[in-house]
Amino acid sequence: MEGLSPLLMFALMFAVFYFLLIRPQQRKAKQRNLMLGQLKKGDKVVTIGGMHGTILEITDDIVVLRVNDTTKVTFDRSAVNNVSAASTSAASTVTIEKKEDKKEELKA
């Protein structure tokens, strides 16, 4: 029984580390990879350095941002921290879908 106690404590510590540290980090990495995969031309983004801009061109590993009317800056795709606003074409399709759903509800 005394030999089982340290092994049980080690397993308990591993479980705590897994659920409090490893699993949330994996979930966050998955969300980030999903966000980077959904980037498209016209999205307004913020880089990890704090640069705000709109995506002009995008390839597998490079993003070209328009910072103002004359300045274009090239970044690695992984340098994008978050999307502050989706492109207007994506937003307009969402509003069109919502309007169609409301029309269907009214007919029913």
Protein backbone atom coordinates (compact mmCIF):
# COMPACT_ATOMS: atom_id res chain seq x y z
CA MET A 1 0.00 0.00 0.00
CA GLU A 2 2.88 2.39 0.75
CA GLY A 3 4.38 1.82 -2.71
CA LEU A 4 1.10 2.75 -4.39
CA SER A 5 0.73 6.15 -2.70
CA PRO A 6 3.57 7.99 -4.55
CA LEU A 7 2.42 6.54 -7.85
CA LEU A 8 -1.14 7.71 -7.19
CA MET A 9 0.08 11.21 -6.30
CA PHE A 10 2.15 11.36 -9.50
CA ALA A 11 -0.89 10.32 -11.58
CA LEU A 12 -3.03 12.93 -9.82
CA MET A 13 -0.45 15.66 -10.51
CA PHE A 14 -0.30 14.66 -14.17
CA ALA A 15 -4.10 14.81 -14.43
CA VAL A 16 -4.16 18.29 -12.89
CA PHE A 17 -1.45 19.53 -15.28
CA TYR A 18 -3.27 18.01 -18.23
CA PHE A 19 -6.65 19.58 -17.49
CA LEU A 20 -5.34 22.96 -16.30
CA LEU A 21 -2.42 23.56 -18.67
CA ILE A 22 -2.06 21.19 -21.61
CA ARG A 23 -5.68 20.84 -22.76
CA PRO A 24 -6.54 24.60 -22.74
CA GLN A 25 -3.31 25.35 -24.62
CA GLN A 26 -4.19 22.77 -27.29
CA ARG A 27 -7.69 24.24 -27.64
CA LYS A 28 -6.28 27.77 -28.01
CA ALA A 29 -3.77 26.61 -30.65
CA LYS A 30 -6.56 24.90 -32.58
CA GLN A 31 -8.66 28.09 -32.56
CA ARG A 32 -5.67 30.15 -33.73
CA ASN A 33 -4.93 27.78 -36.60
CA LEU A 34 -8.60 27.89 -37.60
CA MET A 35 -8.54 31.71 -37.54
CA LEU A 36 -5.36 31.80 -39.65
CA GLY A 37 -6.90 29.37 -42.12
CA GLN A 38 -10.02 31.53 -42.55
CA LEU A 39 -8.17 34.77 -43.35
CA LYS A 40 -9.26 36.34 -46.61
CA LYS A 41 -8.72 39.45 -48.67
CA GLY A 42 -10.44 42.49 -47.12
CA ASP A 43 -10.28 41.33 -43.48
CA LYS A 44 -9.13 43.94 -40.99
CA VAL A 45 -6.48 42.38 -38.76
CA VAL A 46 -4.07 43.20 -35.94
CA THR A 47 -0.56 41.71 -35.97
CA ILE A 48 1.34 40.45 -32.95
CA GLY A 49 3.32 43.71 -33.05
CA GLY A 50 0.15 45.81 -32.84
CA MET A 51 0.02 46.92 -36.49
CA HIS A 52 -3.55 47.41 -37.73
CA GLY A 53 -4.30 46.92 -41.41
CA THR A 54 -6.50 45.45 -44.13
CA ILE A 55 -5.44 42.36 -46.06
CA LEU A 56 -4.69 43.19 -49.71
CA GLU A 57 -3.02 39.93 -50.75
CA ILE A 58 -2.73 36.59 -49.05
CA THR A 59 -0.79 33.43 -49.87
CA ASP A 60 -0.04 30.25 -47.94
CA ASP A 61 2.57 31.92 -45.74
CA ILE A 62 2.57 35.68 -46.54
CA VAL A 63 0.03 38.44 -45.88
CA VAL A 64 0.25 41.92 -47.42
CA LEU A 65 -1.49 44.55 -45.31
CA ARG A 66 -2.60 48.03 -46.34
CA VAL A 67 -1.87 50.27 -43.37
CA ASN A 68 -3.03 53.51 -45.00
CA ASP A 69 -3.74 54.65 -48.57
CA THR A 70 -0.10 54.46 -49.69
CA THR A 71 1.63 52.00 -47.34
CA LYS A 72 1.72 48.25 -47.89
CA VAL A 73 3.50 46.02 -45.38
CA THR A 74 4.34 42.33 -45.81
CA PHE A 75 4.06 39.94 -42.85
CA ASP A 76 4.20 36.22 -42.27
CA ARG A 77 0.73 34.76 -41.97
CA SER A 78 1.58 33.59 -38.46
CA ALA A 79 2.18 37.24 -37.42
CA VAL A 80 -1.56 37.91 -37.51
CA ASN A 81 -2.85 38.02 -33.95
CA ASN A 82 -6.59 38.47 -34.49
CA VAL A 83 -9.22 39.61 -36.96
CA SER A 84 -10.78 42.89 -35.84
CA ALA A 85 -13.41 42.98 -38.59
CA ALA A 86 -14.32 40.50 -41.31
CA SER A 87 -14.48 41.66 -44.90
CA THR A 88 -17.65 43.41 -46.01
CA SER A 89 -18.51 40.70 -48.54
CA ALA A 90 -18.68 38.11 -45.77
CA ALA A 91 -20.76 40.42 -43.58
CA SER A 92 -23.20 41.12 -46.42
CA THR A 93 -23.74 37.41 -47.09
CA VAL A 94 -24.54 36.87 -43.41
CA THR A 95 -27.13 39.67 -43.43
CA ILE A 96 -28.66 38.32 -46.65
CA GLU A 97 -28.94 34.85 -45.08
CA LYS A 98 -30.60 36.35 -41.98
CA LYS A 99 -33.12 38.22 -44.13
CA GLU A 100 -33.93 35.02 -46.04
CA ASP A 101 -34.42 33.14 -42.74
CA LYS A 102 -36.83 35.83 -41.52
CA LYS A 103 -38.82 35.63 -44.77
CA GLU A 104 -39.09 31.85 -44.40
CA GLU A 105 -40.26 32.22 -40.80
CA LEU A 106 -42.95 34.69 -41.84
CA LYS A 107 -44.22 32.32 -44.56
CA ALA A 108 -44.48 29.41 -42.12
